[in-house]
ModelCIF file with pLDDT and N, C-alpha, C, O atoms, coordinates in Angstrom:
data_MODEL
#
_entry.id   MODEL 
#
_entity.id                         1 
_entity.type                       polymer 
_entity.pdbx_number_of_molecules   1 
#
_entity_poly.entity_id                      1 
_entity_poly.type                           'polypeptide(L)' 
_entity_poly.nstd_linkage                   no 
_entity_poly.nstd_monomer                   no 
_entity_poly.pdbx_seq_one_letter_code       
;(UNK)(UNK)(UNK)(UNK)(UNK)(UNK)(UNK)(UNK)(UNK)(UNK)(UNK)(UNK)(UNK)(UNK)(UNK)(UNK)
(UNK)(UNK)(UNK)(UNK)(UNK)(UNK)(UNK)(UNK)(UNK)(UNK)(UNK)(UNK)(UNK)(UNK)(UNK)(UNK)
(UNK)(UNK)(UNK)(UNK)(UNK)(UNK)(UNK)(UNK)(UNK)(UNK)
;
_entity_poly.pdbx_seq_one_letter_code_can   XXXXXXXXXXXXXXXXXXXXXXXXXXXXXXXXXXXXXXXXXX 
_entity_poly.pdbx_strand_id                 A 
#
loop_
_entity_poly_seq.entity_id 
_entity_poly_seq.num 
_entity_poly_seq.mon_id 
_entity_poly_seq.hetero 
1 1  UNK n 
1 2  UNK n 
1 3  UNK n 
1 4  UNK n 
1 5  UNK n 
1 6  UNK n 
1 7  UNK n 
1 8  UNK n 
1 9  UNK n 
1 10 UNK n 
1 11 UNK n 
1 12 UNK n 
1 13 UNK n 
1 14 UNK n 
1 15 UNK n 
1 16 UNK n 
1 17 UNK n 
1 18 UNK n 
1 19 UNK n 
1 20 UNK n 
1 21 UNK n 
1 22 UNK n 
1 23 UNK n 
1 24 UNK n 
1 25 UNK n 
1 26 UNK n 
1 27 UNK n 
1 28 UNK n 
1 29 UNK n 
1 30 UNK n 
1 31 UNK n 
1 32 UNK n 
1 33 UNK n 
1 34 UNK n 
1 35 UNK n 
1 36 UNK n 
1 37 UNK n 
1 38 UNK n 
1 39 UNK n 
1 40 UNK n 
1 41 UNK n 
1 42 UNK n 
#
_struct_asym.id          A 
_struct_asym.entity_id   1 
#
loop_
_ma_qa_metric.id 
_ma_qa_metric.mode 
_ma_qa_metric.name 
_ma_qa_metric.software_group_id 
_ma_qa_metric.type 
1 global pLDDT . pLDDT 
2 local  pLDDT . pLDDT 
#
_ma_qa_metric_global.metric_id      1 
_ma_qa_metric_global.metric_value   92.00 
_ma_qa_metric_global.model_id       1 
_ma_qa_metric_global.ordinal_id     1 
#
loop_
_ma_qa_metric_local.label_asym_id 
_ma_qa_metric_local.label_comp_id 
_ma_qa_metric_local.label_seq_id 
_ma_qa_metric_local.metric_id 
_ma_qa_metric_local.metric_value 
_ma_qa_metric_local.model_id 
_ma_qa_metric_local.ordinal_id 
A UNK 1  2 94.00 1 1  
A UNK 2  2 95.00 1 2  
A UNK 3  2 97.00 1 3  
A UNK 4  2 98.00 1 4  
A UNK 5  2 97.00 1 5  
A UNK 6  2 98.00 1 6  
A UNK 7  2 98.00 1 7  
A UNK 8  2 97.00 1 8  
A UNK 9  2 97.00 1 9  
A UNK 10 2 97.00 1 10 
A UNK 11 2 95.00 1 11 
A UNK 12 2 97.00 1 12 
A UNK 13 2 98.00 1 13 
A UNK 14 2 98.00 1 14 
A UNK 15 2 98.00 1 15 
A UNK 16 2 98.00 1 16 
A UNK 17 2 98.00 1 17 
A UNK 18 2 98.00 1 18 
A UNK 19 2 98.00 1 19 
A UNK 20 2 97.00 1 20 
A UNK 21 2 94.00 1 21 
A UNK 22 2 93.00 1 22 
A UNK 23 2 90.00 1 23 
A UNK 24 2 86.00 1 24 
A UNK 25 2 79.00 1 25 
A UNK 26 2 65.00 1 26 
A UNK 27 2 62.00 1 27 
A UNK 28 2 69.00 1 28 
A UNK 29 2 74.00 1 29 
A UNK 30 2 76.00 1 30 
A UNK 31 2 83.00 1 31 
A UNK 32 2 85.00 1 32 
A UNK 33 2 90.00 1 33 
A UNK 34 2 94.00 1 34 
A UNK 35 2 96.00 1 35 
A UNK 36 2 97.00 1 36 
A UNK 37 2 98.00 1 37 
A UNK 38 2 98.00 1 38 
A UNK 39 2 98.00 1 39 
A UNK 40 2 98.00 1 40 
A UNK 41 2 98.00 1 41 
A UNK 42 2 98.00 1 42 
#
loop_
_atom_site.group_PDB 
_atom_site.id 
_atom_site.type_symbol 
_atom_site.label_atom_id 
_atom_site.label_alt_id 
_atom_site.label_comp_id 
_atom_site.label_asym_id 
_atom_site.label_entity_id 
_atom_site.label_seq_id 
_atom_site.pdbx_PDB_ins_code 
_atom_site.Cartn_x 
_atom_site.Cartn_y 
_atom_site.Cartn_z 
_atom_site.occupancy 
_atom_site.B_iso_or_equiv 
_atom_site.pdbx_formal_charge 
_atom_site.auth_seq_id 
_atom_site.auth_comp_id 
_atom_site.auth_asym_id 
_atom_site.auth_atom_id 
_atom_site.pdbx_PDB_model_num 
ATOM 1   N N  . UNK A 1 1  ? 95.199  -90.430  59.121 1.00 94.00 ? 1  UNK A N  1 
ATOM 2   C CA . UNK A 1 1  ? 96.543  -90.737  59.803 1.00 94.00 ? 1  UNK A CA 1 
ATOM 3   C C  . UNK A 1 1  ? 96.795  -90.753  60.958 1.00 94.00 ? 1  UNK A C  1 
ATOM 4   O O  . UNK A 1 1  ? 97.127  -91.805  61.504 1.00 94.00 ? 1  UNK A O  1 
ATOM 5   N N  . UNK A 1 2  ? 96.703  -89.628  61.603 1.00 95.00 ? 2  UNK A N  1 
ATOM 6   C CA . UNK A 1 2  ? 96.939  -89.396  63.033 1.00 95.00 ? 2  UNK A CA 1 
ATOM 7   C C  . UNK A 1 2  ? 96.142  -90.114  63.911 1.00 95.00 ? 2  UNK A C  1 
ATOM 8   O O  . UNK A 1 2  ? 96.342  -89.987  65.119 1.00 95.00 ? 2  UNK A O  1 
ATOM 9   N N  . UNK A 1 3  ? 95.260  -90.857  63.493 1.00 97.00 ? 3  UNK A N  1 
ATOM 10  C CA . UNK A 1 3  ? 94.293  -91.574  64.452 1.00 97.00 ? 3  UNK A CA 1 
ATOM 11  C C  . UNK A 1 3  ? 94.598  -93.400  65.007 1.00 97.00 ? 3  UNK A C  1 
ATOM 12  O O  . UNK A 1 3  ? 94.100  -94.160  65.838 1.00 97.00 ? 3  UNK A O  1 
ATOM 13  N N  . UNK A 1 4  ? 95.733  -93.465  63.951 1.00 98.00 ? 4  UNK A N  1 
ATOM 14  C CA . UNK A 1 4  ? 95.912  -94.888  63.994 1.00 98.00 ? 4  UNK A CA 1 
ATOM 15  C C  . UNK A 1 4  ? 96.912  -95.405  65.240 1.00 98.00 ? 4  UNK A C  1 
ATOM 16  O O  . UNK A 1 4  ? 98.017  -94.887  65.403 1.00 98.00 ? 4  UNK A O  1 
ATOM 17  N N  . UNK A 1 5  ? 96.549  -96.177  65.859 1.00 97.00 ? 5  UNK A N  1 
ATOM 18  C CA . UNK A 1 5  ? 97.236  -96.740  66.901 1.00 97.00 ? 5  UNK A CA 1 
ATOM 19  C C  . UNK A 1 5  ? 97.385  -98.340  67.319 1.00 97.00 ? 5  UNK A C  1 
ATOM 20  O O  . UNK A 1 5  ? 96.321  -98.958  67.271 1.00 97.00 ? 5  UNK A O  1 
ATOM 21  N N  . UNK A 1 6  ? 98.469  -99.042  67.694 1.00 98.00 ? 6  UNK A N  1 
ATOM 22  C CA . UNK A 1 6  ? 98.677  -100.268 67.848 1.00 98.00 ? 6  UNK A CA 1 
ATOM 23  C C  . UNK A 1 6  ? 99.144  -100.814 69.142 1.00 98.00 ? 6  UNK A C  1 
ATOM 24  O O  . UNK A 1 6  ? 100.068 -100.291 69.765 1.00 98.00 ? 6  UNK A O  1 
ATOM 25  N N  . UNK A 1 7  ? 98.595  -101.718 69.489 1.00 98.00 ? 7  UNK A N  1 
ATOM 26  C CA . UNK A 1 7  ? 98.603  -102.482 70.812 1.00 98.00 ? 7  UNK A CA 1 
ATOM 27  C C  . UNK A 1 7  ? 99.442  -103.975 70.496 1.00 98.00 ? 7  UNK A C  1 
ATOM 28  O O  . UNK A 1 7  ? 98.759  -104.985 70.323 1.00 98.00 ? 7  UNK A O  1 
ATOM 29  N N  . UNK A 1 8  ? 100.465 -104.032 70.451 1.00 97.00 ? 8  UNK A N  1 
ATOM 30  C CA . UNK A 1 8  ? 100.859 -105.620 70.513 1.00 97.00 ? 8  UNK A CA 1 
ATOM 31  C C  . UNK A 1 8  ? 100.791 -106.230 72.144 1.00 97.00 ? 8  UNK A C  1 
ATOM 32  O O  . UNK A 1 8  ? 101.081 -105.843 73.275 1.00 97.00 ? 8  UNK A O  1 
ATOM 33  N N  . UNK A 1 9  ? 100.219 -107.419 71.484 1.00 97.00 ? 9  UNK A N  1 
ATOM 34  C CA . UNK A 1 9  ? 99.574  -108.566 72.459 1.00 97.00 ? 9  UNK A CA 1 
ATOM 35  C C  . UNK A 1 9  ? 100.872 -109.794 72.976 1.00 97.00 ? 9  UNK A C  1 
ATOM 36  O O  . UNK A 1 9  ? 101.138 -110.364 74.034 1.00 97.00 ? 9  UNK A O  1 
ATOM 37  N N  . UNK A 1 10 ? 101.461 -109.792 71.542 1.00 97.00 ? 10 UNK A N  1 
ATOM 38  C CA . UNK A 1 10 ? 102.533 -110.931 71.652 1.00 97.00 ? 10 UNK A CA 1 
ATOM 39  C C  . UNK A 1 10 ? 103.416 -110.413 70.368 1.00 97.00 ? 10 UNK A C  1 
ATOM 40  O O  . UNK A 1 10 ? 103.237 -109.310 69.852 1.00 97.00 ? 10 UNK A O  1 
ATOM 41  N N  . UNK A 1 11 ? 104.359 -111.332 69.943 1.00 95.00 ? 11 UNK A N  1 
ATOM 42  C CA . UNK A 1 11 ? 105.401 -111.119 68.640 1.00 95.00 ? 11 UNK A CA 1 
ATOM 43  C C  . UNK A 1 11 ? 104.121 -111.038 67.633 1.00 95.00 ? 11 UNK A C  1 
ATOM 44  O O  . UNK A 1 11 ? 104.100 -110.025 66.935 1.00 95.00 ? 11 UNK A O  1 
ATOM 45  N N  . UNK A 1 12 ? 103.362 -111.694 67.509 1.00 97.00 ? 12 UNK A N  1 
ATOM 46  C CA . UNK A 1 12 ? 102.537 -111.733 66.577 1.00 97.00 ? 12 UNK A CA 1 
ATOM 47  C C  . UNK A 1 12 ? 100.949 -111.466 66.609 1.00 97.00 ? 12 UNK A C  1 
ATOM 48  O O  . UNK A 1 12 ? 100.285 -111.317 65.583 1.00 97.00 ? 12 UNK A O  1 
ATOM 49  N N  . UNK A 1 13 ? 100.478 -111.427 67.775 1.00 98.00 ? 13 UNK A N  1 
ATOM 50  C CA . UNK A 1 13 ? 98.970  -110.912 67.925 1.00 98.00 ? 13 UNK A CA 1 
ATOM 51  C C  . UNK A 1 13 ? 99.058  -109.422 68.119 1.00 98.00 ? 13 UNK A C  1 
ATOM 52  O O  . UNK A 1 13 ? 99.918  -109.039 68.912 1.00 98.00 ? 13 UNK A O  1 
ATOM 53  N N  . UNK A 1 14 ? 98.194  -108.381 67.432 1.00 98.00 ? 14 UNK A N  1 
ATOM 54  C CA . UNK A 1 14 ? 98.159  -107.271 67.490 1.00 98.00 ? 14 UNK A CA 1 
ATOM 55  C C  . UNK A 1 14 ? 96.815  -106.590 67.403 1.00 98.00 ? 14 UNK A C  1 
ATOM 56  O O  . UNK A 1 14 ? 95.965  -107.192 66.747 1.00 98.00 ? 14 UNK A O  1 
ATOM 57  N N  . UNK A 1 15 ? 96.464  -105.400 67.970 1.00 98.00 ? 15 UNK A N  1 
ATOM 58  C CA . UNK A 1 15 ? 95.429  -104.917 67.852 1.00 98.00 ? 15 UNK A CA 1 
ATOM 59  C C  . UNK A 1 15 ? 95.373  -103.723 67.568 1.00 98.00 ? 15 UNK A C  1 
ATOM 60  O O  . UNK A 1 15 ? 95.400  -102.970 68.541 1.00 98.00 ? 15 UNK A O  1 
ATOM 61  N N  . UNK A 1 16 ? 95.277  -103.088 66.207 1.00 98.00 ? 16 UNK A N  1 
ATOM 62  C CA . UNK A 1 16 ? 95.224  -101.982 65.315 1.00 98.00 ? 16 UNK A CA 1 
ATOM 63  C C  . UNK A 1 16 ? 94.081  -101.200 65.440 1.00 98.00 ? 16 UNK A C  1 
ATOM 64  O O  . UNK A 1 16 ? 93.082  -101.919 65.483 1.00 98.00 ? 16 UNK A O  1 
ATOM 65  N N  . UNK A 1 17 ? 93.806  -99.894  65.524 1.00 98.00 ? 17 UNK A N  1 
ATOM 66  C CA . UNK A 1 17 ? 92.598  -99.069  65.375 1.00 98.00 ? 17 UNK A CA 1 
ATOM 67  C C  . UNK A 1 17 ? 92.837  -97.692  64.981 1.00 98.00 ? 17 UNK A C  1 
ATOM 68  O O  . UNK A 1 17 ? 93.959  -97.226  64.781 1.00 98.00 ? 17 UNK A O  1 
ATOM 69  N N  . UNK A 1 18 ? 91.761  -97.068  64.876 1.00 98.00 ? 18 UNK A N  1 
ATOM 70  C CA . UNK A 1 18 ? 91.618  -95.588  64.600 1.00 98.00 ? 18 UNK A CA 1 
ATOM 71  C C  . UNK A 1 18 ? 90.346  -95.432  63.639 1.00 98.00 ? 18 UNK A C  1 
ATOM 72  O O  . UNK A 1 18 ? 89.410  -96.229  63.583 1.00 98.00 ? 18 UNK A O  1 
ATOM 73  N N  . UNK A 1 19 ? 90.497  -94.190  62.853 1.00 98.00 ? 19 UNK A N  1 
ATOM 74  C CA . UNK A 1 19 ? 89.272  -93.850  62.019 1.00 98.00 ? 19 UNK A CA 1 
ATOM 75  C C  . UNK A 1 19 ? 89.665  -93.898  60.541 1.00 98.00 ? 19 UNK A C  1 
ATOM 76  O O  . UNK A 1 19 ? 90.806  -93.722  60.114 1.00 98.00 ? 19 UNK A O  1 
ATOM 77  N N  . UNK A 1 20 ? 88.923  -94.076  60.048 1.00 97.00 ? 20 UNK A N  1 
ATOM 78  C CA . UNK A 1 20 ? 88.732  -93.874  58.658 1.00 97.00 ? 20 UNK A CA 1 
ATOM 79  C C  . UNK A 1 20 ? 87.603  -93.318  57.940 1.00 97.00 ? 20 UNK A C  1 
ATOM 80  O O  . UNK A 1 20 ? 86.454  -93.340  58.380 1.00 97.00 ? 20 UNK A O  1 
ATOM 81  N N  . UNK A 1 21 ? 88.002  -92.744  56.659 1.00 94.00 ? 21 UNK A N  1 
ATOM 82  C CA . UNK A 1 21 ? 86.817  -92.177  55.978 1.00 94.00 ? 21 UNK A CA 1 
ATOM 83  C C  . UNK A 1 21 ? 86.208  -92.847  54.686 1.00 94.00 ? 21 UNK A C  1 
ATOM 84  O O  . UNK A 1 21 ? 86.926  -92.977  53.694 1.00 94.00 ? 21 UNK A O  1 
ATOM 85  N N  . UNK A 1 22 ? 84.763  -93.316  54.679 1.00 93.00 ? 22 UNK A N  1 
ATOM 86  C CA . UNK A 1 22 ? 84.454  -93.791  53.444 1.00 93.00 ? 22 UNK A CA 1 
ATOM 87  C C  . UNK A 1 22 ? 83.749  -92.777  52.533 1.00 93.00 ? 22 UNK A C  1 
ATOM 88  O O  . UNK A 1 22 ? 82.975  -91.895  52.905 1.00 93.00 ? 22 UNK A O  1 
ATOM 89  N N  . UNK A 1 23 ? 84.136  -93.042  51.298 1.00 90.00 ? 23 UNK A N  1 
ATOM 90  C CA . UNK A 1 23 ? 83.815  -91.948  50.393 1.00 90.00 ? 23 UNK A CA 1 
ATOM 91  C C  . UNK A 1 23 ? 83.196  -92.558  49.209 1.00 90.00 ? 23 UNK A C  1 
ATOM 92  O O  . UNK A 1 23 ? 83.831  -93.304  48.463 1.00 90.00 ? 23 UNK A O  1 
ATOM 93  N N  . UNK A 1 24 ? 81.673  -92.180  48.984 1.00 86.00 ? 24 UNK A N  1 
ATOM 94  C CA . UNK A 1 24 ? 80.567  -92.597  48.140 1.00 86.00 ? 24 UNK A CA 1 
ATOM 95  C C  . UNK A 1 24 ? 80.305  -91.626  47.112 1.00 86.00 ? 24 UNK A C  1 
ATOM 96  O O  . UNK A 1 24 ? 79.680  -90.597  47.371 1.00 86.00 ? 24 UNK A O  1 
ATOM 97  N N  . UNK A 1 25 ? 80.772  -91.902  45.883 1.00 79.00 ? 25 UNK A N  1 
ATOM 98  C CA . UNK A 1 25 ? 80.583  -90.818  44.783 1.00 79.00 ? 25 UNK A CA 1 
ATOM 99  C C  . UNK A 1 25 ? 78.996  -90.997  44.313 1.00 79.00 ? 25 UNK A C  1 
ATOM 100 O O  . UNK A 1 25 ? 78.671  -91.970  43.633 1.00 79.00 ? 25 UNK A O  1 
ATOM 101 N N  . UNK A 1 26 ? 78.127  -90.089  44.684 1.00 65.00 ? 26 UNK A N  1 
ATOM 102 C CA . UNK A 1 26 ? 76.557  -90.431  44.153 1.00 65.00 ? 26 UNK A CA 1 
ATOM 103 C C  . UNK A 1 26 ? 76.664  -89.069  43.241 1.00 65.00 ? 26 UNK A C  1 
ATOM 104 O O  . UNK A 1 26 ? 77.029  -87.950  43.603 1.00 65.00 ? 26 UNK A O  1 
ATOM 105 N N  . UNK A 1 27 ? 76.191  -89.553  41.825 1.00 62.00 ? 27 UNK A N  1 
ATOM 106 C CA . UNK A 1 27 ? 75.946  -88.534  41.048 1.00 62.00 ? 27 UNK A CA 1 
ATOM 107 C C  . UNK A 1 27 ? 77.006  -87.535  40.912 1.00 62.00 ? 27 UNK A C  1 
ATOM 108 O O  . UNK A 1 27 ? 78.132  -87.937  40.621 1.00 62.00 ? 27 UNK A O  1 
ATOM 109 N N  . UNK A 1 28 ? 76.855  -86.647  41.034 1.00 69.00 ? 28 UNK A N  1 
ATOM 110 C CA . UNK A 1 28 ? 77.701  -85.382  41.011 1.00 69.00 ? 28 UNK A CA 1 
ATOM 111 C C  . UNK A 1 28 ? 78.289  -84.951  42.347 1.00 69.00 ? 28 UNK A C  1 
ATOM 112 O O  . UNK A 1 28 ? 79.159  -84.098  42.519 1.00 69.00 ? 28 UNK A O  1 
ATOM 113 N N  . UNK A 1 29 ? 77.654  -85.700  43.280 1.00 74.00 ? 29 UNK A N  1 
ATOM 114 C CA . UNK A 1 29 ? 78.330  -85.272  44.891 1.00 74.00 ? 29 UNK A CA 1 
ATOM 115 C C  . UNK A 1 29 ? 78.868  -86.297  45.303 1.00 74.00 ? 29 UNK A C  1 
ATOM 116 O O  . UNK A 1 29 ? 78.736  -87.363  44.702 1.00 74.00 ? 29 UNK A O  1 
ATOM 117 N N  . UNK A 1 30 ? 79.672  -86.162  46.556 1.00 76.00 ? 30 UNK A N  1 
ATOM 118 C CA . UNK A 1 30 ? 80.403  -87.100  47.020 1.00 76.00 ? 30 UNK A CA 1 
ATOM 119 C C  . UNK A 1 30 ? 79.767  -87.266  48.514 1.00 76.00 ? 30 UNK A C  1 
ATOM 120 O O  . UNK A 1 30 ? 79.571  -86.202  49.101 1.00 76.00 ? 30 UNK A O  1 
ATOM 121 N N  . UNK A 1 31 ? 79.501  -88.191  49.044 1.00 83.00 ? 31 UNK A N  1 
ATOM 122 C CA . UNK A 1 31 ? 79.090  -88.688  50.492 1.00 83.00 ? 31 UNK A CA 1 
ATOM 123 C C  . UNK A 1 31 ? 80.426  -89.290  51.268 1.00 83.00 ? 31 UNK A C  1 
ATOM 124 O O  . UNK A 1 31 ? 80.925  -90.362  50.925 1.00 83.00 ? 31 UNK A O  1 
ATOM 125 N N  . UNK A 1 32 ? 80.890  -88.574  52.227 1.00 85.00 ? 32 UNK A N  1 
ATOM 126 C CA . UNK A 1 32 ? 82.157  -89.132  52.768 1.00 85.00 ? 32 UNK A CA 1 
ATOM 127 C C  . UNK A 1 32 ? 81.264  -89.359  54.578 1.00 85.00 ? 32 UNK A C  1 
ATOM 128 O O  . UNK A 1 32 ? 80.634  -88.501  55.196 1.00 85.00 ? 32 UNK A O  1 
ATOM 129 N N  . UNK A 1 33 ? 81.506  -90.582  54.921 1.00 90.00 ? 33 UNK A N  1 
ATOM 130 C CA . UNK A 1 33 ? 81.301  -90.775  56.249 1.00 90.00 ? 33 UNK A CA 1 
ATOM 131 C C  . UNK A 1 33 ? 82.413  -91.415  57.149 1.00 90.00 ? 33 UNK A C  1 
ATOM 132 O O  . UNK A 1 33 ? 83.044  -92.397  56.757 1.00 90.00 ? 33 UNK A O  1 
ATOM 133 N N  . UNK A 1 34 ? 82.617  -90.876  58.271 1.00 94.00 ? 34 UNK A N  1 
ATOM 134 C CA . UNK A 1 34 ? 83.793  -91.153  59.228 1.00 94.00 ? 34 UNK A CA 1 
ATOM 135 C C  . UNK A 1 34 ? 83.510  -92.433  59.834 1.00 94.00 ? 34 UNK A C  1 
ATOM 136 O O  . UNK A 1 34 ? 82.301  -92.517  60.052 1.00 94.00 ? 34 UNK A O  1 
ATOM 137 N N  . UNK A 1 35 ? 84.147  -93.465  60.191 1.00 96.00 ? 35 UNK A N  1 
ATOM 138 C CA . UNK A 1 35 ? 83.970  -94.601  61.022 1.00 96.00 ? 35 UNK A CA 1 
ATOM 139 C C  . UNK A 1 35 ? 85.273  -94.756  61.741 1.00 96.00 ? 35 UNK A C  1 
ATOM 140 O O  . UNK A 1 35 ? 86.336  -94.271  61.354 1.00 96.00 ? 35 UNK A O  1 
ATOM 141 N N  . UNK A 1 36 ? 85.101  -95.479  62.831 1.00 97.00 ? 36 UNK A N  1 
ATOM 142 C CA . UNK A 1 36 ? 86.020  -95.983  63.839 1.00 97.00 ? 36 UNK A CA 1 
ATOM 143 C C  . UNK A 1 36 ? 86.702  -97.387  63.557 1.00 97.00 ? 36 UNK A C  1 
ATOM 144 O O  . UNK A 1 36 ? 85.828  -98.043  62.990 1.00 97.00 ? 36 UNK A O  1 
ATOM 145 N N  . UNK A 1 37 ? 87.430  -97.881  63.636 1.00 98.00 ? 37 UNK A N  1 
ATOM 146 C CA . UNK A 1 37 ? 88.065  -99.411  63.278 1.00 98.00 ? 37 UNK A CA 1 
ATOM 147 C C  . UNK A 1 37 ? 88.780  -99.907  64.500 1.00 98.00 ? 37 UNK A C  1 
ATOM 148 O O  . UNK A 1 37 ? 89.355  -99.124  65.256 1.00 98.00 ? 37 UNK A O  1 
ATOM 149 N N  . UNK A 1 38 ? 88.748  -101.261 64.709 1.00 98.00 ? 38 UNK A N  1 
ATOM 150 C CA . UNK A 1 38 ? 89.562  -102.033 65.289 1.00 98.00 ? 38 UNK A CA 1 
ATOM 151 C C  . UNK A 1 38 ? 89.750  -103.241 64.384 1.00 98.00 ? 38 UNK A C  1 
ATOM 152 O O  . UNK A 1 38 ? 88.807  -103.646 63.703 1.00 98.00 ? 38 UNK A O  1 
ATOM 153 N N  . UNK A 1 39 ? 91.095  -103.899 64.356 1.00 98.00 ? 39 UNK A N  1 
ATOM 154 C CA . UNK A 1 39 ? 91.440  -104.842 63.725 1.00 98.00 ? 39 UNK A CA 1 
ATOM 155 C C  . UNK A 1 39 ? 92.071  -106.036 64.883 1.00 98.00 ? 39 UNK A C  1 
ATOM 156 O O  . UNK A 1 39 ? 92.777  -105.435 65.693 1.00 98.00 ? 39 UNK A O  1 
ATOM 157 N N  . UNK A 1 40 ? 92.022  -107.363 65.147 1.00 98.00 ? 40 UNK A N  1 
ATOM 158 C CA . UNK A 1 40 ? 92.788  -108.211 65.803 1.00 98.00 ? 40 UNK A CA 1 
ATOM 159 C C  . UNK A 1 40 ? 93.490  -109.129 64.944 1.00 98.00 ? 40 UNK A C  1 
ATOM 160 O O  . UNK A 1 40 ? 92.871  -109.896 64.206 1.00 98.00 ? 40 UNK A O  1 
ATOM 161 N N  . UNK A 1 41 ? 94.859  -109.092 65.000 1.00 98.00 ? 41 UNK A N  1 
ATOM 162 C CA . UNK A 1 41 ? 95.385  -109.725 63.587 1.00 98.00 ? 41 UNK A CA 1 
ATOM 163 C C  . UNK A 1 41 ? 96.204  -110.872 64.305 1.00 98.00 ? 41 UNK A C  1 
ATOM 164 O O  . UNK A 1 41 ? 96.364  -110.756 65.520 1.00 98.00 ? 41 UNK A O  1 
ATOM 165 N N  . UNK A 1 42 ? 96.581  -111.653 63.843 1.00 98.00 ? 42 UNK A N  1 
ATOM 166 C CA . UNK A 1 42 ? 97.334  -112.715 64.210 1.00 98.00 ? 42 UNK A CA 1 
ATOM 167 C C  . UNK A 1 42 ? 98.524  -112.727 62.803 1.00 98.00 ? 42 UNK A C  1 
ATOM 168 O O  . UNK A 1 42 ? 99.414  -113.577 62.754 1.00 98.00 ? 42 UNK A O  1 
#
């Protein structure tokens, strides 16, 4: 949550980015990988 930021290029065009965690349950353990993301949205 603290990582998300948004830049508005116009009323409809936006860039939103930050980081997210991907959790994969494998047998009795969980693998959590962190990644950064950016979306360009209309």
